[in-house]
Amino acid sequence: MSEKSALILGGTGAVGSILVHEILESGKFTKVTAVGRRQFEYDGPNGETLEQKVVDFENLEAHKEAFKGSFDTVFCTLGTTRALAGSAERFLAIDKGYVINSAKILHEQNPHLQIHFLYCSSVGAHPQSMFLYMRTKGEIEQELGEIGFDRVSLFRPAMFEVEKMREDRGRLSHYFLSGILNISKVLRPRGWIKVRTVAKSMLNVALGETKDVTPQKITKEHGTKIEIFENAQMLDIGN
């Protein structure tokens, strides 16, 4: 087993919960730390390498110690939607605030570590987008590149194909969305992506297993190396 240590932010969401299992089952990390709002159950292989830390993302200043460690790889799948957040203001506070504040504290707590930060963004992310969701993702991407990490990998998945229906969605809604998904997959087969493929693509990039896929690359003046993986590339890497 290689001497790699990972931190996971957002390990209970659609992508994050699968990513946690993929990371632990890979056996490639000697230490895996999950920082989140609540703990989760895990009974798979390499469970002894997992440490869970519960924090209040609304008051991260009180939880700085949770971000201190010998991490070389950080996976971030934190995020929400305006509908789930309840308003544009709450969406920004959660989707952008949680990610950027966590990233800044992480860097402050570990200023001498060469960290590879991997973030699950969105297709169409751009700081000048007219759409709130994509504009916010673009702003997050931009700010992550300025924090000072050694390497930042940005993943821009298209529409998610989830493995199970959210509990707050009714059966009729589930059938309706499933029908649209099946039609869209025929018309645009690479316009969708399974959440497991998203998780696997993030893990594979972290491990350097990219199947010769070449992302867009940018190097900032202060040295941060940024790479952007679009949906089609994620499909190639994660499948």
C-alpha atoms as a PDB file:
ATOM      1  CA  MET A   1       0.000   0.000   0.000  1.00  0.00           C
ATOM      2  CA  SER A   2       1.346   3.427  -0.926  1.00  0.00           C
ATOM      3  CA  GLU A   3       1.845   6.048   1.773  1.00  0.00           C
ATOM      4  CA  LYS A   4      -1.026   8.312   0.733  1.00  0.00           C
ATOM      5  CA  SER A   5      -3.402  10.197   3.013  1.00  0.00           C
ATOM      6  CA  ALA A   6      -6.789  11.516   1.869  1.00  0.00           C
ATOM      7  CA  LEU A   7      -9.290  14.003   3.232  1.00  0.00           C
ATOM      8  CA  ILE A   8     -12.903  13.884   2.011  1.00  0.00           C
ATOM      9  CA  LEU A   9     -15.262  16.857   2.246  1.00  0.00           C
ATOM     10  CA  GLY A  10     -18.872  15.952   1.554  1.00  0.00           C
ATOM     11  CA  GLY A  11     -18.804  12.207   2.114  1.00  0.00           C
ATOM     12  CA  THR A  12     -22.560  11.772   2.606  1.00  0.00           C
ATOM     13  CA  GLY A  13     -23.910  13.231  -0.651  1.00  0.00           C
ATOM     14  CA  ALA A  14     -24.730  11.479  -3.914  1.00  0.00           C
ATOM     15  CA  VAL A  15     -21.167  11.502  -5.249  1.00  0.00           C
ATOM     16  CA  GLY A  16     -19.351  11.697  -1.931  1.00  0.00           C
ATOM     17  CA  SER A  17     -20.947   8.615  -0.380  1.00  0.00           C
ATOM     18  CA  ILE A  18     -19.874   6.485  -3.343  1.00  0.00           C
ATOM     19  CA  LEU A  19     -16.454   8.139  -3.461  1.00  0.00           C
ATOM     20  CA  VAL A  20     -15.804   7.195   0.165  1.00  0.00           C
ATOM     21  CA  HIS A  21     -16.416   3.525  -0.645  1.00  0.00           C
ATOM     22  CA  GLU A  22     -14.310   3.664  -3.814  1.00  0.00           C
ATOM     23  CA  ILE A  23     -11.396   5.264  -1.947  1.00  0.00           C
ATOM     24  CA  LEU A  24     -11.458   2.793   0.938  1.00  0.00           C
ATOM     25  CA  GLU A  25     -12.028  -0.248  -1.261  1.00  0.00           C
ATOM     26  CA  SER A  26      -9.088   0.747  -3.463  1.00  0.00           C
ATOM     27  CA  GLY A  27      -6.711   0.178  -0.565  1.00  0.00           C
ATOM     28  CA  LYS A  28      -4.430   2.901  -1.957  1.00  0.00           C
ATOM     29  CA  PHE A  29      -4.560   5.203   1.080  1.00  0.00           C
ATOM     30  CA  THR A  30      -3.039   4.484   4.482  1.00  0.00           C
ATOM     31  CA  LYS A  31      -5.261   7.135   6.095  1.00  0.00           C
ATOM     32  CA  VAL A  32      -8.686   8.421   5.059  1.00  0.00           C
ATOM     33  CA  THR A  33     -10.299  11.296   6.960  1.00  0.00           C
ATOM     34  CA  ALA A  34     -13.920  12.277   6.320  1.00  0.00           C
ATOM     35  CA  VAL A  35     -14.992  15.734   7.486  1.00  0.00           C
ATOM     36  CA  GLY A  36     -18.723  16.361   7.402  1.00  0.00           C
ATOM     37  CA  ARG A  37     -21.882  17.406   9.201  1.00  0.00           C
ATOM     38  CA  ARG A  38     -22.632  13.903  10.409  1.00  0.00           C
ATOM     39  CA  GLN A  39     -21.063  10.477  10.631  1.00  0.00           C
ATOM     40  CA  PHE A  40     -21.962   7.601   8.322  1.00  0.00           C
ATOM     41  CA  GLU A  41     -21.792   3.843   8.546  1.00  0.00           C
ATOM     42  CA  TYR A  42     -19.097   1.931   6.706  1.00  0.00           C
ATOM     43  CA  ASP A  43     -18.552  -1.820   6.993  1.00  0.00           C
ATOM     44  CA  GLY A  44     -16.405  -2.446   3.913  1.00  0.00           C
ATOM     45  CA  PRO A  45     -12.698  -3.234   3.562  1.00  0.00           C
ATOM     46  CA  ASN A  46      -9.966  -1.050   5.087  1.00  0.00           C
ATOM     47  CA  GLY A  47     -12.382   0.480   7.561  1.00  0.00           C
ATOM     48  CA  GLU A  48      -9.574   0.750  10.098  1.00  0.00           C
ATOM     49  CA  THR A  49      -7.993   3.501   7.980  1.00  0.00           C
ATOM     50  CA  LEU A  50     -11.118   5.702   8.189  1.00  0.00           C
ATOM     51  CA  GLU A  51     -11.471   8.532  10.695  1.00  0.00           C
ATOM     52  CA  GLN A  52     -14.624  10.645  10.796  1.00  0.00           C
ATOM     53  CA  LYS A  53     -14.755  14.209  12.096  1.00  0.00           C
ATOM     54  CA  VAL A  54     -18.035  16.091  12.556  1.00  0.00           C
ATOM     55  CA  VAL A  55     -17.958  19.856  12.021  1.00  0.00           C
ATOM     56  CA  ASP A  56     -20.385  22.757  11.796  1.00  0.00           C
ATOM     57  CA  PHE A  57     -19.823  24.270   8.355  1.00  0.00           C
ATOM     58  CA  GLU A  58     -21.605  27.404   9.545  1.00  0.00           C
ATOM     59  CA  ASN A  59     -18.889  27.904  12.175  1.00  0.00           C
ATOM     60  CA  LEU A  60     -15.696  26.414  10.742  1.00  0.00           C
ATOM     61  CA  GLU A  61     -13.477  28.710  12.793  1.00  0.00           C
ATOM     62  CA  ALA A  62     -14.380  26.545  15.791  1.00  0.00           C
ATOM     63  CA  HIS A  63     -13.320  23.369  13.963  1.00  0.00           C
ATOM     64  CA  LYS A  64      -9.936  24.293  12.488  1.00  0.00           C
ATOM     65  CA  GLU A  65      -8.211  21.320  14.110  1.00  0.00           C
ATOM     66  CA  ALA A  66     -10.347  18.941  12.022  1.00  0.00           C
ATOM     67  CA  PHE A  67      -8.513  20.161   8.917  1.00  0.00           C
ATOM     68  CA  LYS A  68      -5.013  19.618  10.262  1.00  0.00           C
ATOM     69  CA  GLY A  69      -3.142  16.518   9.102  1.00  0.00           C
ATOM     70  CA  SER A  70      -0.648  15.021   6.696  1.00  0.00           C
ATOM     71  CA  PHE A  71      -3.010  15.059   3.720  1.00  0.00           C
ATOM     72  CA  ASP A  72      -1.643  14.896   0.193  1.00  0.00           C
ATOM     73  CA  THR A  73      -5.020  14.375  -1.505  1.00  0.00           C
ATOM     74  CA  VAL A  74      -8.287  16.212  -0.788  1.00  0.00           C
ATOM     75  CA  PHE A  75     -11.590  15.272  -2.424  1.00  0.00           C
ATOM     76  CA  CYS A  76     -14.408  17.829  -2.242  1.00  0.00           C
ATOM     77  CA  THR A  77     -17.961  16.964  -3.276  1.00  0.00           C
ATOM     78  CA  LEU A  78     -19.725  19.536  -1.111  1.00  0.00           C
ATOM     79  CA  GLY A  79     -22.650  21.191  -2.833  1.00  0.00           C
ATOM     80  CA  THR A  80     -26.388  21.769  -3.023  1.00  0.00           C
ATOM     81  CA  THR A  81     -29.026  23.319  -5.295  1.00  0.00           C
ATOM     82  CA  ARG A  82     -31.062  26.466  -4.936  1.00  0.00           C
ATOM     83  CA  ALA A  83     -34.207  24.364  -4.530  1.00  0.00           C
ATOM     84  CA  LEU A  84     -32.756  22.364  -1.650  1.00  0.00           C
ATOM     85  CA  ALA A  85     -31.127  25.409  -0.058  1.00  0.00           C
ATOM     86  CA  GLY A  86     -34.401  27.365  -0.120  1.00  0.00           C
ATOM     87  CA  SER A  87     -33.069  30.642  -1.510  1.00  0.00           C
ATOM     88  CA  ALA A  88     -30.270  32.097  -3.617  1.00  0.00           C
ATOM     89  CA  GLU A  89     -28.603  33.468  -0.487  1.00  0.00           C
ATOM     90  CA  ARG A  90     -28.581  30.107   1.295  1.00  0.00           C
ATOM     91  CA  PHE A  91     -27.425  28.383  -1.886  1.00  0.00           C
ATOM     92  CA  LEU A  92     -24.390  30.676  -2.070  1.00  0.00           C
ATOM     93  CA  ALA A  93     -23.660  30.263   1.626  1.00  0.00           C
ATOM     94  CA  ILE A  94     -23.670  26.470   1.327  1.00  0.00           C
ATOM     95  CA  ASP A  95     -22.464  25.720  -2.187  1.00  0.00           C
ATOM     96  CA  LYS A  96     -19.709  28.320  -2.284  1.00  0.00           C
ATOM     97  CA  GLY A  97     -19.179  29.260   1.344  1.00  0.00           C
ATOM     98  CA  TYR A  98     -18.685  25.736   2.666  1.00  0.00           C
ATOM     99  CA  VAL A  99     -16.218  24.836  -0.093  1.00  0.00           C
ATOM    100  CA  ILE A 100     -14.080  27.986  -0.102  1.00  0.00           C
ATOM    101  CA  ASN A 101     -14.017  28.389   3.681  1.00  0.00           C
ATOM    102  CA  SER A 102     -13.034  24.729   4.105  1.00  0.00           C
ATOM    103  CA  ALA A 103     -10.330  25.029   1.465  1.00  0.00           C
ATOM    104  CA  LYS A 104      -8.867  28.187   3.010  1.00  0.00           C
ATOM    105  CA  ILE A 105      -8.745  26.697   6.505  1.00  0.00           C
ATOM    106  CA  LEU A 106      -7.234  23.512   5.109  1.00  0.00           C
ATOM    107  CA  HIS A 107      -4.435  25.493   3.476  1.00  0.00           C
ATOM    108  CA  GLU A 108      -3.918  27.663   6.567  1.00  0.00           C
ATOM    109  CA  GLN A 109      -3.653  24.605   8.802  1.00  0.00           C
ATOM    110  CA  ASN A 110      -1.231  22.819   6.472  1.00  0.00           C
ATOM    111  CA  PRO A 111       0.781  25.577   4.747  1.00  0.00           C
ATOM    112  CA  HIS A 112       3.781  23.396   3.953  1.00  0.00           C
ATOM    113  CA  LEU A 113       1.961  20.415   2.454  1.00  0.00           C
ATOM    114  CA  GLN A 114       1.819  19.832  -1.302  1.00  0.00           C
ATOM    115  CA  ILE A 115      -1.901  19.168  -1.575  1.00  0.00           C
ATOM    116  CA  HIS A 116      -3.771  17.884  -4.606  1.00  0.00           C
ATOM    117  CA  PHE A 117      -7.305  19.325  -4.288  1.00  0.00           C
ATOM    118  CA  LEU A 118      -9.997  17.608  -6.392  1.00  0.00           C
ATOM    119  CA  TYR A 119     -13.354  19.393  -6.687  1.00  0.00           C
ATOM    120  CA  CYS A 120     -16.629  18.214  -8.218  1.00  0.00           C
ATOM    121  CA  SER A 121     -17.911  21.256 -10.123  1.00  0.00           C
ATOM    122  CA  SER A 122     -20.443  21.306 -12.986  1.00  0.00           C
ATOM    123  CA  VAL A 123     -20.692  21.324 -16.747  1.00  0.00           C
ATOM    124  CA  GLY A 124     -20.872  24.912 -17.990  1.00  0.00           C
ATOM    125  CA  ALA A 125     -19.132  26.348 -14.917  1.00  0.00           C
ATOM    126  CA  HIS A 126     -18.066  29.942 -15.613  1.00  0.00           C
ATOM    127  CA  PRO A 127     -17.812  32.992 -13.325  1.00  0.00           C
ATOM    128  CA  GLN A 128     -19.657  35.104 -15.906  1.00  0.00           C
ATOM    129  CA  SER A 129     -22.534  32.696 -16.551  1.00  0.00           C
ATOM    130  CA  MET A 130     -26.047  34.139 -16.496  1.00  0.00           C
ATOM    131  CA  PHE A 131     -27.195  31.106 -14.513  1.00  0.00           C
ATOM    132  CA  LEU A 132     -26.689  31.192 -10.739  1.00  0.00           C
ATOM    133  CA  TYR A 133     -25.638  27.549 -10.407  1.00  0.00           C
ATOM    134  CA  MET A 134     -23.020  27.603 -13.158  1.00  0.00           C
ATOM    135  CA  ARG A 135     -21.805  31.075 -12.199  1.00  0.00           C
ATOM    136  CA  THR A 136     -21.293  29.966  -8.609  1.00  0.00           C
ATOM    137  CA  LYS A 137     -19.393  26.859  -9.695  1.00  0.00           C
ATOM    138  CA  GLY A 138     -17.210  29.023 -11.933  1.00  0.00           C
ATOM    139  CA  GLU A 139     -16.465  31.396  -9.057  1.00  0.00           C
ATOM    140  CA  ILE A 140     -15.548  28.454  -6.828  1.00  0.00           C
ATOM    141  CA  GLU A 141     -13.194  27.070  -9.480  1.00  0.00           C
ATOM    142  CA  GLN A 142     -11.562  30.469  -9.835  1.00  0.00           C
ATOM    143  CA  GLU A 143     -11.073  30.972  -6.096  1.00  0.00           C
ATOM    144  CA  LEU A 144      -9.745  27.460  -5.506  1.00  0.00           C
ATOM    145  CA  GLY A 145      -6.972  28.235  -7.965  1.00  0.00           C
ATOM    146  CA  GLU A 146      -5.886  31.239  -5.902  1.00  0.00           C
ATOM    147  CA  ILE A 147      -5.670  29.619  -2.446  1.00  0.00           C
ATOM    148  CA  GLY A 148      -2.222  28.149  -2.925  1.00  0.00           C
ATOM    149  CA  PHE A 149      -2.645  24.401  -3.363  1.00  0.00           C
ATOM    150  CA  ASP A 150       0.036  22.606  -5.334  1.00  0.00           C
ATOM    151  CA  ARG A 151      -2.490  21.090  -7.757  1.00  0.00           C
ATOM    152  CA  VAL A 152      -6.221  21.594  -8.329  1.00  0.00           C
ATOM    153  CA  SER A 153      -8.280  19.185 -10.432  1.00  0.00           C
ATOM    154  CA  LEU A 154     -11.723  20.413 -11.484  1.00  0.00           C
ATOM    155  CA  PHE A 155     -14.410  17.983 -12.637  1.00  0.00           C
ATOM    156  CA  ARG A 156     -17.356  19.206 -14.699  1.00  0.00           C
ATOM    157  CA  PRO A 157     -19.990  16.465 -14.826  1.00  0.00           C
ATOM    158  CA  ALA A 158     -23.159  16.848 -16.872  1.00  0.00           C
ATOM    159  CA  MET A 159     -26.545  15.687 -15.566  1.00  0.00           C
ATOM    160  CA  PHE A 160     -26.271  13.041 -12.855  1.00  0.00           C
ATOM    161  CA  GLU A 161     -27.759   9.577 -13.219  1.00  0.00           C
ATOM    162  CA  VAL A 162     -28.267   8.719  -9.550  1.00  0.00           C
ATOM    163  CA  GLU A 163     -28.293   5.158  -8.211  1.00  0.00           C
ATOM    164  CA  LYS A 164     -31.325   5.642  -5.978  1.00  0.00           C
ATOM    165  CA  MET A 165     -34.187   8.107  -5.714  1.00  0.00           C
ATOM    166  CA  ARG A 166     -34.086  10.759  -3.019  1.00  0.00           C
ATOM    167  CA  GLU A 167     -36.481   9.997  -0.185  1.00  0.00           C
ATOM    168  CA  ASP A 168     -38.214  13.364  -0.595  1.00  0.00           C
ATOM    169  CA  ARG A 169     -39.277  12.623  -4.177  1.00  0.00           C
ATOM    170  CA  GLY A 170     -42.559  10.898  -4.864  1.00  0.00           C
ATOM    171  CA  ARG A 171     -43.003   7.795  -6.980  1.00  0.00           C
ATOM    172  CA  LEU A 172     -44.703   9.699  -9.824  1.00  0.00           C
ATOM    173  CA  SER A 173     -41.822  12.181  -9.930  1.00  0.00           C
ATOM    174  CA  HIS A 174     -39.370   9.280  -9.988  1.00  0.00           C
ATOM    175  CA  TYR A 175     -41.089   7.643 -12.974  1.00  0.00           C
ATOM    176  CA  PHE A 176     -41.305  10.978 -14.811  1.00  0.00           C
ATOM    177  CA  LEU A 177     -37.606  11.740 -14.312  1.00  0.00           C
ATOM    178  CA  SER A 178     -36.639   8.188 -15.223  1.00  0.00           C
ATOM    179  CA  GLY A 179     -38.547   8.513 -18.502  1.00  0.00           C
ATOM    180  CA  ILE A 180     -36.819  11.776 -19.377  1.00  0.00           C
ATOM    181  CA  LEU A 181     -33.467  10.216 -18.481  1.00  0.00           C
ATOM    182  CA  ASN A 182     -34.010   7.220 -20.771  1.00  0.00           C
ATOM    183  CA  ILE A 183     -35.005   9.456 -23.700  1.00  0.00           C
ATOM    184  CA  SER A 184     -32.091  11.846 -23.109  1.00  0.00           C
ATOM    185  CA  LYS A 185     -29.596   8.994 -22.914  1.00  0.00           C
ATOM    186  CA  VAL A 186     -30.644   7.914 -26.389  1.00  0.00           C
ATOM    187  CA  LEU A 187     -30.509  11.435 -27.848  1.00  0.00           C
ATOM    188  CA  ARG A 188     -27.371  12.534 -25.974  1.00  0.00           C
ATOM    189  CA  PRO A 189     -25.557   9.442 -24.669  1.00  0.00           C
ATOM    190  CA  ARG A 190     -22.594  11.490 -23.384  1.00  0.00           C
ATOM    191  CA  GLY A 191     -24.728  14.249 -21.886  1.00  0.00           C
ATOM    192  CA  TRP A 192     -25.345  12.220 -18.732  1.00  0.00           C
ATOM    193  CA  ILE A 193     -23.033  10.575 -16.232  1.00  0.00           C
ATOM    194  CA  LYS A 194     -23.537   8.080 -13.421  1.00  0.00           C
ATOM    195  CA  VAL A 195     -22.572   9.343  -9.983  1.00  0.00           C
ATOM    196  CA  ARG A 196     -20.355   6.271  -9.591  1.00  0.00           C
ATOM    197  CA  THR A 197     -18.495   7.244 -12.759  1.00  0.00           C
ATOM    198  CA  VAL A 198     -17.965  10.729 -11.324  1.00  0.00           C
ATOM    199  CA  ALA A 199     -16.542   9.224  -8.137  1.00  0.00           C
ATOM    200  CA  LYS A 200     -14.313   6.788 -10.008  1.00  0.00           C
ATOM    201  CA  SER A 201     -12.985   9.494 -12.327  1.00  0.00           C
ATOM    202  CA  MET A 202     -11.995  11.632  -9.338  1.00  0.00           C
ATOM    203  CA  LEU A 203     -10.251   8.708  -7.647  1.00  0.00           C
ATOM    204  CA  ASN A 204      -8.485   7.622 -10.829  1.00  0.00           C
ATOM    205  CA  VAL A 205      -7.157  11.126 -11.453  1.00  0.00           C
ATOM    206  CA  ALA A 206      -5.884  11.258  -7.870  1.00  0.00           C
ATOM    207  CA  LEU A 207      -4.067   7.968  -8.459  1.00  0.00           C
ATOM    208  CA  GLY A 208      -2.690   9.049 -11.819  1.00  0.00           C
ATOM    209  CA  GLU A 209      -4.772   6.494 -13.723  1.00  0.00           C
ATOM    210  CA  THR A 210      -6.190   8.747 -16.440  1.00  0.00           C
ATOM    211  CA  LYS A 211      -6.085   6.366 -19.424  1.00  0.00           C
ATOM    212  CA  ASP A 212      -4.060   8.894 -21.466  1.00  0.00           C
ATOM    213  CA  VAL A 213      -6.850  11.478 -21.236  1.00  0.00           C
ATOM    214  CA  THR A 214      -5.395  14.986 -21.475  1.00  0.00           C
ATOM    215  CA  PRO A 215      -7.320  17.720 -19.626  1.00  0.00           C
ATOM    216  CA  GLN A 216      -7.113  21.458 -20.131  1.00  0.00           C
ATOM    217  CA  LYS A 217      -4.155  22.681 -18.065  1.00  0.00           C
ATOM    218  CA  ILE A 218      -3.387  26.072 -16.542  1.00  0.00           C
ATOM    219  CA  THR A 219      -0.492  27.090 -14.314  1.00  0.00           C
ATOM    220  CA  LYS A 220      -1.054  30.129 -12.112  1.00  0.00           C
ATOM    221  CA  GLU A 221       1.690  32.703 -11.526  1.00  0.00           C
ATOM    222  CA  HIS A 222       2.081  31.538  -7.916  1.00  0.00           C
ATOM    223  CA  GLY A 223       2.633  27.957  -9.098  1.00  0.00           C
ATOM    224  CA  THR A 224      -0.718  26.203  -8.652  1.00  0.00           C
ATOM    225  CA  LYS A 225      -1.284  23.677 -11.438  1.00  0.00           C
ATOM    226  CA  ILE A 226      -4.937  23.517 -12.532  1.00  0.00           C
ATOM    227  CA  GLU A 227      -6.482  20.854 -14.732  1.00  0.00           C
ATOM    228  CA  ILE A 228     -10.074  20.691 -15.959  1.00  0.00           C
ATOM    229  CA  PHE A 229     -11.849  17.446 -16.795  1.00  0.00           C
ATOM    230  CA  GLU A 230     -15.015  17.835 -18.855  1.00  0.00           C
ATOM    231  CA  ASN A 231     -17.861  15.308 -18.803  1.00  0.00           C
ATOM    232  CA  ALA A 232     -16.697  13.321 -21.845  1.00  0.00           C
ATOM    233  CA  GLN A 233     -13.244  12.917 -20.334  1.00  0.00           C
ATOM    234  CA  MET A 234     -14.739  11.835 -17.014  1.00  0.00           C
ATOM    235  CA  LEU A 235     -16.716   9.152 -18.813  1.00  0.00           C
ATOM    236  CA  ASP A 236     -13.512   7.837 -20.370  1.00  0.00           C
ATOM    237  CA  ILE A 237     -11.569   7.897 -17.099  1.00  0.00           C
ATOM    238  CA  GLY A 238     -14.299   6.586 -14.827  1.00  0.00           C
ATOM    239  CA  ASN A 239     -15.624   3.709 -16.933  1.00  0.00           C
END
